[in-house]
Amino acid sequence: MKNKSKNLICDICGQKGARVRKVTETHGKGKDLLLIENVPMISCPSCGENYFTAETLHEIERIKLHRKSFALERPVQIASFV
């Protein structure tokens, strides 16, 4: 992710203009729920695809594997979209 986000080329359609967005990913559920914040996701305005790079996917797996070292416990409020 060292490229300038304005110059990214989409891996799906090959067009310039893809951008990095920061998203929150959830893994597991209930007591085993893990939220990973600020995950870089590539978003392409040309083809509409959103995807993670291989590097990001590897880092997500590393965080999940070593969650005890990385995770902070926080109370989480949940709201429904009605």
N, C-alpha and C. Protein backbone atom coordinates (compact mmCIF):
# COMPACT_ATOMS: atom_id res chain seq x y z
N MET A 1 0.81 -1.20 0.00
CA MET A 1 0.00 0.00 0.00
C MET A 1 0.85 1.26 0.00
N LYS A 2 2.04 1.17 -0.50
CA LYS A 2 2.92 2.33 -0.51
C LYS A 2 2.64 3.24 -1.71
N ASN A 3 1.79 2.79 -2.66
CA ASN A 3 1.45 3.62 -3.81
C ASN A 3 0.59 4.80 -3.37
N LYS A 4 0.66 5.88 -4.11
CA LYS A 4 -0.24 6.99 -3.84
C LYS A 4 -1.64 6.56 -4.26
N SER A 5 -2.60 6.77 -3.38
CA SER A 5 -3.94 6.24 -3.64
C SER A 5 -4.59 6.81 -4.89
N LYS A 6 -4.20 8.00 -5.35
CA LYS A 6 -4.82 8.58 -6.55
C LYS A 6 -4.31 7.90 -7.81
N ASN A 7 -3.20 7.22 -7.76
CA ASN A 7 -2.61 6.61 -8.93
C ASN A 7 -2.77 5.10 -8.98
N LEU A 8 -3.60 4.54 -8.13
CA LEU A 8 -3.76 3.09 -8.12
C LEU A 8 -4.49 2.63 -9.37
N ILE A 9 -4.08 1.47 -9.84
CA ILE A 9 -4.74 0.83 -10.97
C ILE A 9 -5.51 -0.36 -10.42
N CYS A 10 -6.77 -0.46 -10.79
CA CYS A 10 -7.63 -1.54 -10.31
C CYS A 10 -7.13 -2.89 -10.82
N ASP A 11 -6.99 -3.85 -9.93
CA ASP A 11 -6.56 -5.20 -10.32
C ASP A 11 -7.66 -5.94 -11.08
N ILE A 12 -8.91 -5.47 -10.99
CA ILE A 12 -10.02 -6.15 -11.64
C ILE A 12 -10.20 -5.65 -13.08
N CYS A 13 -10.33 -4.31 -13.26
CA CYS A 13 -10.62 -3.78 -14.60
C CYS A 13 -9.42 -3.11 -15.26
N GLY A 14 -8.35 -2.83 -14.50
CA GLY A 14 -7.16 -2.23 -15.08
C GLY A 14 -7.20 -0.72 -15.26
N GLN A 15 -8.28 -0.08 -14.80
CA GLN A 15 -8.42 1.36 -14.94
C GLN A 15 -7.72 2.10 -13.81
N LYS A 16 -7.23 3.31 -14.09
CA LYS A 16 -6.66 4.17 -13.05
C LYS A 16 -7.79 4.78 -12.23
N GLY A 17 -7.45 5.21 -11.03
CA GLY A 17 -8.43 5.92 -10.20
C GLY A 17 -8.92 5.14 -9.01
N ALA A 18 -8.48 3.90 -8.84
CA ALA A 18 -8.87 3.14 -7.65
C ALA A 18 -8.31 3.84 -6.43
N ARG A 19 -9.02 3.76 -5.33
CA ARG A 19 -8.62 4.45 -4.10
C ARG A 19 -8.64 3.48 -2.92
N VAL A 20 -7.88 3.85 -1.91
CA VAL A 20 -7.85 3.08 -0.67
C VAL A 20 -8.87 3.67 0.29
N ARG A 21 -9.77 2.82 0.78
CA ARG A 21 -10.72 3.22 1.81
C ARG A 21 -10.37 2.43 3.07
N LYS A 22 -10.62 2.98 4.23
CA LYS A 22 -10.41 2.27 5.49
C LYS A 22 -11.76 1.74 5.95
N VAL A 23 -11.83 0.43 6.22
CA VAL A 23 -13.07 -0.21 6.64
C VAL A 23 -12.84 -0.98 7.93
N THR A 24 -13.93 -1.37 8.55
CA THR A 24 -13.88 -2.23 9.73
C THR A 24 -14.36 -3.61 9.32
N GLU A 25 -13.58 -4.62 9.62
CA GLU A 25 -13.92 -6.01 9.32
C GLU A 25 -14.30 -6.72 10.61
N THR A 26 -15.30 -7.57 10.55
CA THR A 26 -15.66 -8.38 11.71
C THR A 26 -15.39 -9.84 11.40
N HIS A 27 -14.96 -10.56 12.42
CA HIS A 27 -14.67 -11.99 12.29
C HIS A 27 -15.19 -12.68 13.54
N GLY A 28 -15.83 -13.82 13.35
CA GLY A 28 -16.40 -14.55 14.47
C GLY A 28 -17.72 -13.96 14.90
N LYS A 29 -18.21 -14.45 16.04
CA LYS A 29 -19.46 -13.92 16.57
C LYS A 29 -19.53 -14.17 18.07
N GLY A 30 -20.46 -13.49 18.69
CA GLY A 30 -20.64 -13.65 20.13
C GLY A 30 -19.38 -13.31 20.90
N LYS A 31 -19.02 -14.19 21.82
CA LYS A 31 -17.84 -13.99 22.66
C LYS A 31 -16.54 -14.00 21.85
N ASP A 32 -16.56 -14.63 20.69
CA ASP A 32 -15.37 -14.73 19.83
C ASP A 32 -15.31 -13.64 18.76
N LEU A 33 -16.19 -12.63 18.86
CA LEU A 33 -16.21 -11.56 17.87
C LEU A 33 -14.92 -10.75 17.92
N LEU A 34 -14.35 -10.50 16.76
CA LEU A 34 -13.16 -9.66 16.63
C LEU A 34 -13.44 -8.61 15.57
N LEU A 35 -13.28 -7.34 15.93
CA LEU A 35 -13.40 -6.24 14.98
C LEU A 35 -11.99 -5.75 14.67
N ILE A 36 -11.69 -5.64 13.40
CA ILE A 36 -10.39 -5.10 12.98
C ILE A 36 -10.68 -3.78 12.28
N GLU A 37 -10.23 -2.70 12.88
CA GLU A 37 -10.51 -1.36 12.37
C GLU A 37 -9.41 -0.89 11.41
N ASN A 38 -9.77 0.05 10.57
CA ASN A 38 -8.84 0.72 9.65
C ASN A 38 -8.15 -0.23 8.67
N VAL A 39 -8.89 -1.20 8.18
CA VAL A 39 -8.36 -2.15 7.20
C VAL A 39 -8.39 -1.48 5.83
N PRO A 40 -7.25 -1.42 5.11
CA PRO A 40 -7.25 -0.78 3.79
C PRO A 40 -7.92 -1.67 2.74
N MET A 41 -8.95 -1.11 2.10
CA MET A 41 -9.67 -1.80 1.04
C MET A 41 -9.53 -0.97 -0.23
N ILE A 42 -9.28 -1.63 -1.35
CA ILE A 42 -9.20 -0.95 -2.63
C ILE A 42 -10.63 -0.83 -3.18
N SER A 43 -10.99 0.37 -3.59
CA SER A 43 -12.32 0.65 -4.13
C SER A 43 -12.16 1.28 -5.51
N CYS A 44 -12.78 0.70 -6.51
CA CYS A 44 -12.65 1.20 -7.88
C CYS A 44 -13.95 1.85 -8.34
N PRO A 45 -13.89 3.15 -8.66
CA PRO A 45 -15.10 3.83 -9.15
C PRO A 45 -15.47 3.41 -10.58
N SER A 46 -14.52 2.88 -11.34
CA SER A 46 -14.79 2.49 -12.73
C SER A 46 -15.65 1.23 -12.82
N CYS A 47 -15.25 0.18 -12.09
CA CYS A 47 -15.99 -1.08 -12.19
C CYS A 47 -16.84 -1.37 -10.95
N GLY A 48 -16.66 -0.58 -9.88
CA GLY A 48 -17.48 -0.75 -8.69
C GLY A 48 -16.99 -1.83 -7.74
N GLU A 49 -15.87 -2.44 -8.04
CA GLU A 49 -15.36 -3.52 -7.18
C GLU A 49 -14.64 -2.95 -5.95
N ASN A 50 -14.74 -3.69 -4.86
CA ASN A 50 -14.01 -3.42 -3.63
C ASN A 50 -13.27 -4.71 -3.28
N TYR A 51 -11.98 -4.60 -2.98
CA TYR A 51 -11.23 -5.81 -2.69
C TYR A 51 -10.03 -5.50 -1.81
N PHE A 52 -9.52 -6.56 -1.17
CA PHE A 52 -8.32 -6.47 -0.35
C PHE A 52 -7.14 -7.00 -1.16
N THR A 53 -5.96 -6.42 -0.95
CA THR A 53 -4.76 -6.95 -1.58
C THR A 53 -4.35 -8.22 -0.83
N ALA A 54 -3.47 -8.99 -1.44
CA ALA A 54 -2.96 -10.21 -0.80
C ALA A 54 -2.23 -9.84 0.50
N GLU A 55 -1.49 -8.74 0.47
CA GLU A 55 -0.77 -8.28 1.66
C GLU A 55 -1.75 -8.00 2.81
N THR A 56 -2.86 -7.34 2.50
CA THR A 56 -3.86 -7.03 3.52
C THR A 56 -4.50 -8.30 4.05
N LEU A 57 -4.83 -9.24 3.18
CA LEU A 57 -5.43 -10.50 3.62
C LEU A 57 -4.49 -11.28 4.53
N HIS A 58 -3.20 -11.27 4.23
CA HIS A 58 -2.22 -11.95 5.09
C HIS A 58 -2.16 -11.28 6.46
N GLU A 59 -2.21 -9.96 6.47
CA GLU A 59 -2.17 -9.23 7.75
C GLU A 59 -3.43 -9.50 8.57
N ILE A 60 -4.59 -9.58 7.93
CA ILE A 60 -5.84 -9.92 8.63
C ILE A 60 -5.70 -11.29 9.28
N GLU A 61 -5.18 -12.25 8.53
CA GLU A 61 -4.99 -13.61 9.08
C GLU A 61 -4.01 -13.60 10.24
N ARG A 62 -2.94 -12.81 10.14
CA ARG A 62 -1.97 -12.71 11.23
C ARG A 62 -2.61 -12.12 12.48
N ILE A 63 -3.40 -11.08 12.30
CA ILE A 63 -4.10 -10.46 13.43
C ILE A 63 -5.06 -11.46 14.07
N LYS A 64 -5.81 -12.20 13.25
CA LYS A 64 -6.74 -13.20 13.78
C LYS A 64 -6.00 -14.29 14.55
N LEU A 65 -4.87 -14.72 14.02
CA LEU A 65 -4.09 -15.78 14.64
C LEU A 65 -3.51 -15.34 15.99
N HIS A 66 -3.08 -14.09 16.06
CA HIS A 66 -2.45 -13.57 17.28
C HIS A 66 -3.34 -12.53 17.97
N ARG A 67 -4.63 -12.73 17.92
CA ARG A 67 -5.58 -11.74 18.42
C ARG A 67 -5.36 -11.35 19.87
N LYS A 68 -4.88 -12.27 20.69
CA LYS A 68 -4.63 -11.96 22.10
C LYS A 68 -3.57 -10.87 22.25
N SER A 69 -2.61 -10.84 21.34
CA SER A 69 -1.54 -9.84 21.39
C SER A 69 -1.99 -8.48 20.87
N PHE A 70 -2.95 -8.47 19.94
CA PHE A 70 -3.35 -7.24 19.28
C PHE A 70 -4.63 -6.63 19.83
N ALA A 71 -5.54 -7.46 20.25
CA ALA A 71 -6.89 -6.98 20.57
C ALA A 71 -6.96 -6.28 21.92
N LEU A 72 -7.76 -5.24 21.93
CA LEU A 72 -8.10 -4.54 23.16
C LEU A 72 -9.57 -4.85 23.45
N GLU A 73 -9.89 -5.07 24.70
CA GLU A 73 -11.28 -5.32 25.04
C GLU A 73 -11.99 -4.00 25.24
N ARG A 74 -13.13 -3.84 24.54
CA ARG A 74 -13.96 -2.65 24.66
C ARG A 74 -15.42 -3.08 24.63
N PRO A 75 -16.25 -2.38 25.38
CA PRO A 75 -17.69 -2.68 25.25
C PRO A 75 -18.18 -2.20 23.88
N VAL A 76 -19.06 -2.94 23.30
CA VAL A 76 -19.55 -2.60 21.97
C VAL A 76 -21.06 -2.41 22.02
N GLN A 77 -21.53 -1.26 21.54
CA GLN A 77 -22.96 -1.03 21.43
C GLN A 77 -23.40 -1.46 20.04
N ILE A 78 -24.60 -2.02 19.97
CA ILE A 78 -25.12 -2.51 18.71
C ILE A 78 -26.46 -1.83 18.43
N ALA A 79 -26.63 -1.32 17.23
CA ALA A 79 -27.88 -0.70 16.81
C ALA A 79 -28.36 -1.37 15.53
N SER A 80 -29.66 -1.45 15.36
CA SER A 80 -30.22 -2.02 14.14
C SER A 80 -30.60 -0.91 13.18
N PHE A 81 -30.35 -1.13 11.91
CA PHE A 81 -30.77 -0.21 10.87
C PHE A 81 -32.19 -0.56 10.52
N VAL A 82 -33.11 0.34 10.78
CA VAL A 82 -34.53 0.04 10.55
C VAL A 82 -35.05 0.78 9.35
